[in-house]
Amino acid sequence: MDYKKSKAPTNTVTRNIMDLCKDTGNIYESVAIIGKRANQISIEIKQDLSKKLAEFASYNDSLEEVFENREQIEISRYYEKLPKPTLLATEEFIENQVYFRDPSKDKDDE
């Protein structure tokens, strides 16, 4: 998923509970799916940010020489302005872009 191009809102939006549970039939199951996807997105964003900030890492032991790098600050600000992982996951779930399955239901079908 390209979270940079997502149309998810950057602030909290009130959702209709019935819209969230129409695919699963259970609001708690929907919330669990959204939560797990939000964790995946969060890890992906953190790895991406860490990779970009690692380019600016200084391996000096001296605390006296701390320089502020304008590019590093801009990268951090960009990631702060992105929608939160929960909002991204909710938007994906509503747009049916999240694959999920219930193993207990799969056993019943056999």
PDB file of N, CA and C in Angstrom:
ATOM      1  N   MET A   1       0.826  -1.176   0.000  1.00  0.00           N
ATOM      2  CA  MET A   1       0.000   0.000   0.000  1.00  0.00           C
ATOM      3  C   MET A   1       0.868   1.236   0.000  1.00  0.00           C
ATOM      4  N   ASP A   2       0.501   2.177  -0.781  1.00  0.00           N
ATOM      5  CA  ASP A   2       1.255   3.427  -0.818  1.00  0.00           C
ATOM      6  C   ASP A   2       0.540   4.442   0.065  1.00  0.00           C
ATOM      7  N   TYR A   3       0.977   4.505   1.316  1.00  0.00           N
ATOM      8  CA  TYR A   3       0.317   5.377   2.282  1.00  0.00           C
ATOM      9  C   TYR A   3       0.513   6.849   1.964  1.00  0.00           C
ATOM     10  N   LYS A   4       1.483   7.165   1.137  1.00  0.00           N
ATOM     11  CA  LYS A   4       1.737   8.564   0.781  1.00  0.00           C
ATOM     12  C   LYS A   4       0.652   9.109  -0.152  1.00  0.00           C
ATOM     13  N   LYS A   5       0.014   8.226  -0.914  1.00  0.00           N
ATOM     14  CA  LYS A   5      -1.003   8.642  -1.873  1.00  0.00           C
ATOM     15  C   LYS A   5      -2.414   8.324  -1.392  1.00  0.00           C
ATOM     16  N   SER A   6      -2.548   7.935  -0.155  1.00  0.00           N
ATOM     17  CA  SER A   6      -3.849   7.560   0.380  1.00  0.00           C
ATOM     18  C   SER A   6      -4.764   8.772   0.508  1.00  0.00           C
ATOM     19  N   LYS A   7      -6.044   8.512   0.357  1.00  0.00           N
ATOM     20  CA  LYS A   7      -7.035   9.573   0.487  1.00  0.00           C
ATOM     21  C   LYS A   7      -7.640   9.588   1.888  1.00  0.00           C
ATOM     22  N   ALA A   8      -6.980   8.927   2.823  1.00  0.00           N
ATOM     23  CA  ALA A   8      -7.490   8.872   4.188  1.00  0.00           C
ATOM     24  C   ALA A   8      -7.413  10.253   4.831  1.00  0.00           C
ATOM     25  N   PRO A   9      -8.391  10.577   5.659  1.00  0.00           N
ATOM     26  CA  PRO A   9      -8.371  11.889   6.330  1.00  0.00           C
ATOM     27  C   PRO A   9      -7.239  11.953   7.354  1.00  0.00           C
ATOM     28  N   THR A  10      -6.771  13.152   7.629  1.00  0.00           N
ATOM     29  CA  THR A  10      -5.684  13.314   8.598  1.00  0.00           C
ATOM     30  C   THR A  10      -6.211  13.558  10.004  1.00  0.00           C
ATOM     31  N   ASN A  11      -7.526  13.672  10.149  1.00  0.00           N
ATOM     32  CA  ASN A  11      -8.111  13.847  11.474  1.00  0.00           C
ATOM     33  C   ASN A  11      -9.235  12.832  11.662  1.00  0.00           C
ATOM     34  N   THR A  12      -9.775  12.775  12.845  1.00  0.00           N
ATOM     35  CA  THR A  12     -10.786  11.794  13.184  1.00  0.00           C
ATOM     36  C   THR A  12     -12.092  12.066  12.441  1.00  0.00           C
ATOM     37  N   VAL A  13     -12.685  10.999  11.936  1.00  0.00           N
ATOM     38  CA  VAL A  13     -13.942  11.088  11.205  1.00  0.00           C
ATOM     39  C   VAL A  13     -14.940  10.136  11.857  1.00  0.00           C
ATOM     40  N   THR A  14     -16.165  10.581  12.040  1.00  0.00           N
ATOM     41  CA  THR A  14     -17.207   9.727  12.589  1.00  0.00           C
ATOM     42  C   THR A  14     -17.651   8.738  11.518  1.00  0.00           C
ATOM     43  N   ARG A  15     -17.693   7.478  11.876  1.00  0.00           N
ATOM     44  CA  ARG A  15     -18.065   6.421  10.930  1.00  0.00           C
ATOM     45  C   ARG A  15     -19.365   5.763  11.366  1.00  0.00           C
ATOM     46  N   ASN A  16     -20.098   5.259  10.422  1.00  0.00           N
ATOM     47  CA  ASN A  16     -21.307   4.501  10.712  1.00  0.00           C
ATOM     48  C   ASN A  16     -20.897   3.072  11.048  1.00  0.00           C
ATOM     49  N   ILE A  17     -21.267   2.619  12.208  1.00  0.00           N
ATOM     50  CA  ILE A  17     -20.875   1.283  12.659  1.00  0.00           C
ATOM     51  C   ILE A  17     -21.405   0.207  11.721  1.00  0.00           C
ATOM     52  N   MET A  18     -22.571   0.408  11.196  1.00  0.00           N
ATOM     53  CA  MET A  18     -23.162  -0.599  10.314  1.00  0.00           C
ATOM     54  C   MET A  18     -22.362  -0.746   9.023  1.00  0.00           C
ATOM     55  N   ASP A  19     -21.736   0.336   8.561  1.00  0.00           N
ATOM     56  CA  ASP A  19     -20.887   0.242   7.368  1.00  0.00           C
ATOM     57  C   ASP A  19     -19.633  -0.576   7.657  1.00  0.00           C
ATOM     58  N   LEU A  20     -19.114  -0.465   8.881  1.00  0.00           N
ATOM     59  CA  LEU A  20     -17.899  -1.193   9.236  1.00  0.00           C
ATOM     60  C   LEU A  20     -18.146  -2.699   9.409  1.00  0.00           C
ATOM     61  N   CYS A  21     -19.333  -3.052   9.862  1.00  0.00           N
ATOM     62  CA  CYS A  21     -19.571  -4.477  10.138  1.00  0.00           C
ATOM     63  C   CYS A  21     -20.319  -5.199   9.022  1.00  0.00           C
ATOM     64  N   LYS A  22     -20.563  -4.557   7.893  1.00  0.00           N
ATOM     65  CA  LYS A  22     -21.329  -5.236   6.834  1.00  0.00           C
ATOM     66  C   LYS A  22     -20.545  -6.379   6.187  1.00  0.00           C
ATOM     67  N   ASP A  23     -19.207  -6.276   6.111  1.00  0.00           N
ATOM     68  CA  ASP A  23     -18.413  -7.352   5.489  1.00  0.00           C
ATOM     69  C   ASP A  23     -18.236  -8.548   6.409  1.00  0.00           C
ATOM     70  N   THR A  24     -18.075  -8.294   7.699  1.00  0.00           N
ATOM     71  CA  THR A  24     -17.797  -9.370   8.646  1.00  0.00           C
ATOM     72  C   THR A  24     -19.036  -9.816   9.406  1.00  0.00           C
ATOM     73  N   GLY A  25     -20.014  -8.922   9.551  1.00  0.00           N
ATOM     74  CA  GLY A  25     -21.201  -9.240  10.326  1.00  0.00           C
ATOM     75  C   GLY A  25     -21.009  -9.017  11.814  1.00  0.00           C
ATOM     76  N   ASN A  26     -19.826  -8.559  12.210  1.00  0.00           N
ATOM     77  CA  ASN A  26     -19.519  -8.373  13.624  1.00  0.00           C
ATOM     78  C   ASN A  26     -18.600  -7.162  13.763  1.00  0.00           C
ATOM     79  N   ILE A  27     -19.012  -6.172  14.524  1.00  0.00           N
ATOM     80  CA  ILE A  27     -18.210  -4.951  14.669  1.00  0.00           C
ATOM     81  C   ILE A  27     -16.878  -5.241  15.354  1.00  0.00           C
ATOM     82  N   TYR A  28     -16.854  -6.170  16.305  1.00  0.00           N
ATOM     83  CA  TYR A  28     -15.621  -6.479  17.023  1.00  0.00           C
ATOM     84  C   TYR A  28     -14.599  -7.141  16.103  1.00  0.00           C
ATOM     85  N   GLU A  29     -15.083  -7.988  15.222  1.00  0.00           N
ATOM     86  CA  GLU A  29     -14.201  -8.622  14.250  1.00  0.00           C
ATOM     87  C   GLU A  29     -13.638  -7.580  13.279  1.00  0.00           C
ATOM     88  N   SER A  30     -14.468  -6.654  12.862  1.00  0.00           N
ATOM     89  CA  SER A  30     -14.013  -5.582  11.964  1.00  0.00           C
ATOM     90  C   SER A  30     -12.942  -4.721  12.637  1.00  0.00           C
ATOM     91  N   VAL A  31     -13.170  -4.384  13.892  1.00  0.00           N
ATOM     92  CA  VAL A  31     -12.200  -3.560  14.626  1.00  0.00           C
ATOM     93  C   VAL A  31     -10.884  -4.318  14.806  1.00  0.00           C
ATOM     94  N   ALA A  32     -10.959  -5.620  15.061  1.00  0.00           N
ATOM     95  CA  ALA A  32      -9.739  -6.423  15.199  1.00  0.00           C
ATOM     96  C   ALA A  32      -8.959  -6.449  13.886  1.00  0.00           C
ATOM     97  N   ILE A  33      -9.656  -6.587  12.778  1.00  0.00           N
ATOM     98  CA  ILE A  33      -9.006  -6.600  11.458  1.00  0.00           C
ATOM     99  C   ILE A  33      -8.348  -5.252  11.185  1.00  0.00           C
ATOM    100  N   ILE A  34      -9.071  -4.174  11.464  1.00  0.00           N
ATOM    101  CA  ILE A  34      -8.526  -2.826  11.254  1.00  0.00           C
ATOM    102  C   ILE A  34      -7.316  -2.604  12.151  1.00  0.00           C
ATOM    103  N   GLY A  35      -7.385  -3.072  13.391  1.00  0.00           N
ATOM    104  CA  GLY A  35      -6.272  -2.916  14.327  1.00  0.00           C
ATOM    105  C   GLY A  35      -5.021  -3.648  13.868  1.00  0.00           C
ATOM    106  N   LYS A  36      -5.193  -4.873  13.380  1.00  0.00           N
ATOM    107  CA  LYS A  36      -4.034  -5.638  12.901  1.00  0.00           C
ATOM    108  C   LYS A  36      -3.430  -4.986  11.664  1.00  0.00           C
ATOM    109  N   ARG A  37      -4.271  -4.485  10.783  1.00  0.00           N
ATOM    110  CA  ARG A  37      -3.756  -3.800   9.585  1.00  0.00           C
ATOM    111  C   ARG A  37      -3.059  -2.502   9.969  1.00  0.00           C
ATOM    112  N   ALA A  38      -3.588  -1.785  10.970  1.00  0.00           N
ATOM    113  CA  ALA A  38      -2.956  -0.551  11.432  1.00  0.00           C
ATOM    114  C   ALA A  38      -1.558  -0.838  11.990  1.00  0.00           C
ATOM    115  N   ASN A  39      -1.400  -1.957  12.691  1.00  0.00           N
ATOM    116  CA  ASN A  39      -0.071  -2.337  13.196  1.00  0.00           C
ATOM    117  C   ASN A  39       0.895  -2.602  12.041  1.00  0.00           C
ATOM    118  N   GLN A  40       0.417  -3.274  10.998  1.00  0.00           N
ATOM    119  CA  GLN A  40       1.267  -3.534   9.831  1.00  0.00           C
ATOM    120  C   GLN A  40       1.694  -2.227   9.166  1.00  0.00           C
ATOM    121  N   ILE A  41       0.760  -1.312   9.006  1.00  0.00           N
ATOM    122  CA  ILE A  41       1.068  -0.014   8.384  1.00  0.00           C
ATOM    123  C   ILE A  41       2.052   0.768   9.247  1.00  0.00           C
ATOM    124  N   SER A  42       1.847   0.733  10.549  1.00  0.00           N
ATOM    125  CA  SER A  42       2.727   1.445  11.474  1.00  0.00           C
ATOM    126  C   SER A  42       4.166   0.940  11.377  1.00  0.00           C
ATOM    127  N   ILE A  43       4.320  -0.358  11.308  1.00  0.00           N
ATOM    128  CA  ILE A  43       5.659  -0.945  11.177  1.00  0.00           C
ATOM    129  C   ILE A  43       6.294  -0.538   9.855  1.00  0.00           C
ATOM    130  N   GLU A  44       5.508  -0.556   8.786  1.00  0.00           N
ATOM    131  CA  GLU A  44       6.010  -0.169   7.463  1.00  0.00           C
ATOM    132  C   GLU A  44       6.466   1.295   7.449  1.00  0.00           C
ATOM    133  N   ILE A  45       5.672   2.172   8.038  1.00  0.00           N
ATOM    134  CA  ILE A  45       6.018   3.597   8.080  1.00  0.00           C
ATOM    135  C   ILE A  45       7.277   3.810   8.931  1.00  0.00           C
ATOM    136  N   LYS A  46       7.348   3.114  10.061  1.00  0.00           N
ATOM    137  CA  LYS A  46       8.507   3.269  10.942  1.00  0.00           C
ATOM    138  C   LYS A  46       9.787   2.793  10.258  1.00  0.00           C
ATOM    139  N   GLN A  47       9.723   1.681   9.544  1.00  0.00           N
ATOM    140  CA  GLN A  47      10.895   1.186   8.836  1.00  0.00           C
ATOM    141  C   GLN A  47      11.329   2.157   7.742  1.00  0.00           C
ATOM    142  N   ASP A  48      10.353   2.698   7.031  1.00  0.00           N
ATOM    143  CA  ASP A  48      10.651   3.661   5.973  1.00  0.00           C
ATOM    144  C   ASP A  48      11.306   4.916   6.542  1.00  0.00           C
ATOM    145  N   LEU A  49      10.753   5.433   7.627  1.00  0.00           N
ATOM    146  CA  LEU A  49      11.309   6.625   8.268  1.00  0.00           C
ATOM    147  C   LEU A  49      12.706   6.356   8.814  1.00  0.00           C
ATOM    148  N   SER A  50      12.886   5.224   9.462  1.00  0.00           N
ATOM    149  CA  SER A  50      14.200   4.878  10.016  1.00  0.00           C
ATOM    150  C   SER A  50      15.255   4.757   8.926  1.00  0.00           C
ATOM    151  N   LYS A  51      14.845   4.191   7.791  1.00  0.00           N
ATOM    152  CA  LYS A  51      15.774   4.039   6.667  1.00  0.00           C
ATOM    153  C   LYS A  51      16.204   5.407   6.132  1.00  0.00           C
ATOM    154  N   LYS A  52      15.239   6.328   6.036  1.00  0.00           N
ATOM    155  CA  LYS A  52      15.567   7.664   5.538  1.00  0.00           C
ATOM    156  C   LYS A  52      16.399   8.462   6.529  1.00  0.00           C
ATOM    157  N   LEU A  53      16.127   8.317   7.822  1.00  0.00           N
ATOM    158  CA  LEU A  53      16.871   9.063   8.832  1.00  0.00           C
ATOM    159  C   LEU A  53      18.251   8.462   9.103  1.00  0.00           C
ATOM    160  N   ALA A  54      18.426   7.189   8.738  1.00  0.00           N
ATOM    161  CA  ALA A  54      19.731   6.551   8.940  1.00  0.00           C
ATOM    162  C   ALA A  54      20.807   7.204   8.076  1.00  0.00           C
ATOM    163  N   GLU A  55      20.413   7.819   6.983  1.00  0.00           N
ATOM    164  CA  GLU A  55      21.373   8.508   6.123  1.00  0.00           C
ATOM    165  C   GLU A  55      22.015   9.689   6.837  1.00  0.00           C
ATOM    166  N   PHE A  56      21.308  10.242   7.818  1.00  0.00           N
ATOM    167  CA  PHE A  56      21.807  11.412   8.534  1.00  0.00           C
ATOM    168  C   PHE A  56      22.478  11.059   9.855  1.00  0.00           C
ATOM    169  N   ALA A  57      22.564   9.772  10.158  1.00  0.00           N
ATOM    170  CA  ALA A  57      23.097   9.340  11.448  1.00  0.00           C
ATOM    171  C   ALA A  57      24.573   9.713  11.578  1.00  0.00           C
ATOM    172  N   SER A  58      24.898  10.216  12.745  1.00  0.00           N
ATOM    173  CA  SER A  58      26.277  10.567  13.060  1.00  0.00           C
ATOM    174  C   SER A  58      26.752   9.625  14.153  1.00  0.00           C
ATOM    175  N   TYR A  59      27.906   9.041  13.963  1.00  0.00           N
ATOM    176  CA  TYR A  59      28.405   8.056  14.907  1.00  0.00           C
ATOM    177  C   TYR A  59      29.471   8.643  15.824  1.00  0.00           C
ATOM    178  N   ASN A  60      29.369   9.915  16.121  1.00  0.00           N
ATOM    179  CA  ASN A  60      30.289  10.555  17.062  1.00  0.00           C
ATOM    180  C   ASN A  60      29.778  10.346  18.478  1.00  0.00           C
ATOM    181  N   ASP A  61      30.718  10.136  19.402  1.00  0.00           N
ATOM    182  CA  ASP A  61      30.343   9.966  20.796  1.00  0.00           C
ATOM    183  C   ASP A  61      30.211  11.299  21.515  1.00  0.00           C
ATOM    184  N   SER A  62      30.598  12.344  20.867  1.00  0.00           N
ATOM    185  CA  SER A  62      30.567  13.662  21.476  1.00  0.00           C
ATOM    186  C   SER A  62      29.160  14.247  21.398  1.00  0.00           C
ATOM    187  N   LEU A  63      28.640  14.669  22.530  1.00  0.00           N
ATOM    188  CA  LEU A  63      27.326  15.289  22.553  1.00  0.00           C
ATOM    189  C   LEU A  63      27.413  16.779  22.264  1.00  0.00           C
ATOM    190  N   GLU A  64      28.607  17.299  22.240  1.00  0.00           N
ATOM    191  CA  GLU A  64      28.785  18.728  22.011  1.00  0.00           C
ATOM    192  C   GLU A  64      28.499  19.112  20.564  1.00  0.00           C
ATOM    193  N   GLU A  65      28.774  18.229  19.666  1.00  0.00           N
ATOM    194  CA  GLU A  65      28.625  18.545  18.249  1.00  0.00           C
ATOM    195  C   GLU A  65      27.315  17.963  17.703  1.00  0.00           C
ATOM    196  N   VAL A  66      26.232  18.631  17.977  1.00  0.00           N
ATOM    197  CA  VAL A  66      24.932  18.223  17.460  1.00  0.00           C
ATOM    198  C   VAL A  66      24.486  19.288  16.478  1.00  0.00           C
ATOM    199  N   PHE A  67      24.334  18.862  15.239  1.00  0.00           N
ATOM    200  CA  PHE A  67      23.932  19.794  14.198  1.00  0.00           C
ATOM    201  C   PHE A  67      22.506  19.477  13.771  1.00  0.00           C
ATOM    202  N   GLU A  68      21.744  20.500  13.537  1.00  0.00           N
ATOM    203  CA  GLU A  68      20.397  20.316  13.011  1.00  0.00           C
ATOM    204  C   GLU A  68      20.481  20.311  11.491  1.00  0.00           C
ATOM    205  N   ASN A  69      19.994  19.271  10.923  1.00  0.00           N
ATOM    206  CA  ASN A  69      20.011  19.137   9.481  1.00  0.00           C
ATOM    207  C   ASN A  69      18.623  19.491   8.950  1.00  0.00           C
ATOM    208  N   ARG A  70      18.547  20.457   8.077  1.00  0.00           N
ATOM    209  CA  ARG A  70      17.266  20.941   7.553  1.00  0.00           C
ATOM    210  C   ARG A  70      16.499  19.820   6.836  1.00  0.00           C
ATOM    211  N   GLU A  71      17.207  18.989   6.062  1.00  0.00           N
ATOM    212  CA  GLU A  71      16.546  17.891   5.344  1.00  0.00           C
ATOM    213  C   GLU A  71      15.941  16.878   6.321  1.00  0.00           C
ATOM    214  N   GLN A  72      16.656  16.601   7.391  1.00  0.00           N
ATOM    215  CA  GLN A  72      16.167  15.664   8.400  1.00  0.00           C
ATOM    216  C   GLN A  72      14.908  16.204   9.073  1.00  0.00           C
ATOM    217  N   ILE A  73      14.877  17.479   9.342  1.00  0.00           N
ATOM    218  CA  ILE A  73      13.706  18.102   9.957  1.00  0.00           C
ATOM    219  C   ILE A  73      12.518  18.045   9.001  1.00  0.00           C
ATOM    220  N   GLU A  74      12.760  18.303   7.717  1.00  0.00           N
ATOM    221  CA  GLU A  74      11.675  18.261   6.729  1.00  0.00           C
ATOM    222  C   GLU A  74      11.102  16.853   6.585  1.00  0.00           C
ATOM    223  N   ILE A  75      11.962  15.848   6.601  1.00  0.00           N
ATOM    224  CA  ILE A  75      11.502  14.461   6.517  1.00  0.00           C
ATOM    225  C   ILE A  75      10.631  14.125   7.725  1.00  0.00           C
ATOM    226  N   SER A  76      11.070  14.532   8.902  1.00  0.00           N
ATOM    227  CA  SER A  76      10.302  14.262  10.116  1.00  0.00           C
ATOM    228  C   SER A  76       8.951  14.968  10.088  1.00  0.00           C
ATOM    229  N   ARG A  77       8.923  16.192   9.639  1.00  0.00           N
ATOM    230  CA  ARG A  77       7.659  16.930   9.547  1.00  0.00           C
ATOM    231  C   ARG A  77       6.704  16.276   8.551  1.00  0.00           C
ATOM    232  N   TYR A  78       7.250  15.798   7.440  1.00  0.00           N
ATOM    233  CA  TYR A  78       6.423  15.136   6.437  1.00  0.00           C
ATOM    234  C   TYR A  78       5.723  13.918   7.045  1.00  0.00           C
ATOM    235  N   TYR A  79       6.478  13.104   7.776  1.00  0.00           N
ATOM    236  CA  TYR A  79       5.900  11.903   8.369  1.00  0.00           C
ATOM    237  C   TYR A  79       4.928  12.233   9.493  1.00  0.00           C
ATOM    238  N   GLU A  80       5.126  13.347  10.173  1.00  0.00           N
ATOM    239  CA  GLU A  80       4.187  13.760  11.211  1.00  0.00           C
ATOM    240  C   GLU A  80       2.846  14.182  10.616  1.00  0.00           C
ATOM    241  N   LYS A  81       2.856  14.692   9.392  1.00  0.00           N
ATOM    242  CA  LYS A  81       1.630  15.169   8.749  1.00  0.00           C
ATOM    243  C   LYS A  81       0.836  14.054   8.073  1.00  0.00           C
ATOM    244  N   LEU A  82       1.431  12.879   7.927  1.00  0.00           N
ATOM    245  CA  LEU A  82       0.718  11.752   7.310  1.00  0.00           C
ATOM    246  C   LEU A  82      -0.446  11.331   8.198  1.00  0.00           C
ATOM    247  N   PRO A  83      -1.492  10.769   7.602  1.00  0.00           N
ATOM    248  CA  PRO A  83      -2.596  10.242   8.422  1.00  0.00           C
ATOM    249  C   PRO A  83      -2.089   9.128   9.339  1.00  0.00           C
ATOM    250  N   LYS A  84      -2.705   8.994  10.470  1.00  0.00           N
ATOM    251  CA  LYS A  84      -2.320   7.950  11.425  1.00  0.00           C
ATOM    252  C   LYS A  84      -2.631   6.574  10.840  1.00  0.00           C
ATOM    253  N   PRO A  85      -1.855   5.556  11.242  1.00  0.00           N
ATOM    254  CA  PRO A  85      -2.068   4.208  10.701  1.00  0.00           C
ATOM    255  C   PRO A  85      -3.489   3.682  10.892  1.00  0.00           C
ATOM    256  N   THR A  86      -4.143   4.049  11.984  1.00  0.00           N
ATOM    257  CA  THR A  86      -5.511   3.597  12.213  1.00  0.00           C
ATOM    258  C   THR A  86      -6.461   4.173  11.170  1.00  0.00           C
ATOM    259  N   LEU A  87      -6.269   5.441  10.827  1.00  0.00           N
ATOM    260  CA  LEU A  87      -7.113   6.058   9.811  1.00  0.00           C
ATOM    261  C   LEU A  87      -6.850   5.446   8.433  1.00  0.00           C
ATOM    262  N   LEU A  88      -5.581   5.149   8.146  1.00  0.00           N
ATOM    263  CA  LEU A  88      -5.239   4.503   6.877  1.00  0.00           C
ATOM    264  C   LEU A  88      -5.866   3.109   6.791  1.00  0.00           C
ATOM    265  N   ALA A  89      -5.778   2.346   7.887  1.00  0.00           N
ATOM    266  CA  ALA A  89      -6.327   0.992   7.900  1.00  0.00           C
ATOM    267  C   ALA A  89      -7.848   1.014   7.776  1.00  0.00           C
ATOM    268  N   THR A  90      -8.486   1.960   8.436  1.00  0.00           N
ATOM    269  CA  THR A  90      -9.943   2.070   8.347  1.00  0.00           C
ATOM    270  C   THR A  90     -10.373   2.398   6.925  1.00  0.00           C
ATOM    271  N   GLU A  91      -9.646   3.307   6.293  1.00  0.00           N
ATOM    272  CA  GLU A  91      -9.972   3.679   4.910  1.00  0.00           C
ATOM    273  C   GLU A  91      -9.799   2.477   3.974  1.00  0.00           C
ATOM    274  N   GLU A  92      -8.734   1.705   4.173  1.00  0.00           N
ATOM    275  CA  GLU A  92      -8.521   0.498   3.366  1.00  0.00           C
ATOM    276  C   GLU A  92      -9.653  -0.506   3.580  1.00  0.00           C
ATOM    277  N   PHE A  93     -10.067  -0.674   4.829  1.00  0.00           N
ATOM    278  CA  PHE A  93     -11.126  -1.637   5.143  1.00  0.00           C
ATOM    279  C   PHE A  93     -12.441  -1.231   4.485  1.00  0.00           C
ATOM    280  N   ILE A  94     -12.764   0.044   4.552  1.00  0.00           N
ATOM    281  CA  ILE A  94     -14.012   0.530   3.956  1.00  0.00           C
ATOM    282  C   ILE A  94     -13.995   0.370   2.439  1.00  0.00           C
ATOM    283  N   GLU A  95     -12.829   0.549   1.822  1.00  0.00           N
ATOM    284  CA  GLU A  95     -12.697   0.428   0.373  1.00  0.00           C
ATOM    285  C   GLU A  95     -12.436  -1.009  -0.077  1.00  0.00           C
ATOM    286  N   ASN A  96     -12.576  -1.970   0.838  1.00  0.00           N
ATOM    287  CA  ASN A  96     -12.374  -3.399   0.553  1.00  0.00           C
ATOM    288  C   ASN A  96     -10.993  -3.695  -0.021  1.00  0.00           C
ATOM    289  N   GLN A  97      -9.976  -3.055   0.498  1.00  0.00           N
ATOM    290  CA  GLN A  97      -8.601  -3.290   0.055  1.00  0.00           C
ATOM    291  C   GLN A  97      -7.825  -4.155   1.041  1.00  0.00           C
ATOM    292  N   VAL A  98      -8.497  -4.656   2.069  1.00  0.00           N
ATOM    293  CA  VAL A  98      -7.853  -5.489   3.081  1.00  0.00           C
ATOM    294  C   VAL A  98      -8.327  -6.921   2.897  1.00  0.00           C
ATOM    295  N   TYR A  99      -7.370  -7.837   2.777  1.00  0.00           N
ATOM    296  CA  TYR A  99      -7.722  -9.257   2.678  1.00  0.00           C
ATOM    297  C   TYR A  99      -7.714  -9.838   4.086  1.00  0.00           C
ATOM    298  N   PHE A 100      -8.769 -10.527   4.439  1.00  0.00           N
ATOM    299  CA  PHE A 100      -8.835 -11.195   5.738  1.00  0.00           C
ATOM    300  C   PHE A 100      -9.621 -12.475   5.581  1.00  0.00           C
ATOM    301  N   ARG A 101      -9.356 -13.410   6.482  1.00  0.00           N
ATOM    302  CA  ARG A 101     -10.112 -14.657   6.491  1.00  0.00           C
ATOM    303  C   ARG A 101     -10.188 -15.154   7.925  1.00  0.00           C
ATOM    304  N   ASP A 102     -11.168 -15.953   8.206  1.00  0.00           N
ATOM    305  CA  ASP A 102     -11.378 -16.517   9.529  1.00  0.00           C
ATOM    306  C   ASP A 102     -11.167 -18.019   9.426  1.00  0.00           C
ATOM    307  N   PRO A 103     -10.081 -18.540   9.989  1.00  0.00           N
ATOM    308  CA  PRO A 103      -9.808 -19.986   9.883  1.00  0.00           C
ATOM    309  C   PRO A 103     -10.910 -20.851  10.488  1.00  0.00           C
ATOM    310  N   SER A 104     -11.558 -20.357  11.530  1.00  0.00           N
ATOM    311  CA  SER A 104     -12.625 -21.160  12.137  1.00  0.00           C
ATOM    312  C   SER A 104     -13.819 -21.311  11.191  1.00  0.00           C
ATOM    313  N   LYS A 105     -14.103 -20.312  10.405  1.00  0.00           N
ATOM    314  CA  LYS A 105     -15.182 -20.391   9.429  1.00  0.00           C
ATOM    315  C   LYS A 105     -14.788 -21.246   8.235  1.00  0.00           C
ATOM    316  N   ASP A 106     -13.479 -21.254   7.913  1.00  0.00           N
ATOM    317  CA  ASP A 106     -12.999 -22.077   6.803  1.00  0.00           C
ATOM    318  C   ASP A 106     -13.168 -23.564   7.139  1.00  0.00           C
ATOM    319  N   LYS A 107     -12.969 -23.951   8.392  1.00  0.00           N
ATOM    320  CA  LYS A 107     -13.127 -25.346   8.807  1.00  0.00           C
ATOM    321  C   LYS A 107     -14.575 -25.786   8.761  1.00  0.00           C
ATOM    322  N   ASP A 108     -15.484 -24.859   9.063  1.00  0.00           N
ATOM    323  CA  ASP A 108     -16.914 -25.175   9.027  1.00  0.00           C
ATOM    324  C   ASP A 108     -17.404 -25.437   7.607  1.00  0.00           C
ATOM    325  N   ASP A 109     -16.774 -24.794   6.629  1.00  0.00           N
ATOM    326  CA  ASP A 109     -17.197 -24.931   5.239  1.00  0.00           C
ATOM    327  C   ASP A 109     -16.817 -26.290   4.649  1.00  0.00           C
ATOM    328  N   GLU A 110     -15.819 -26.952   5.231  1.00  0.00           N
ATOM    329  CA  GLU A 110     -15.326 -28.221   4.663  1.00  0.00           C
ATOM    330  C   GLU A 110     -16.203 -29.377   5.007  1.00  0.00           C
TER     331      GLU A 110
END
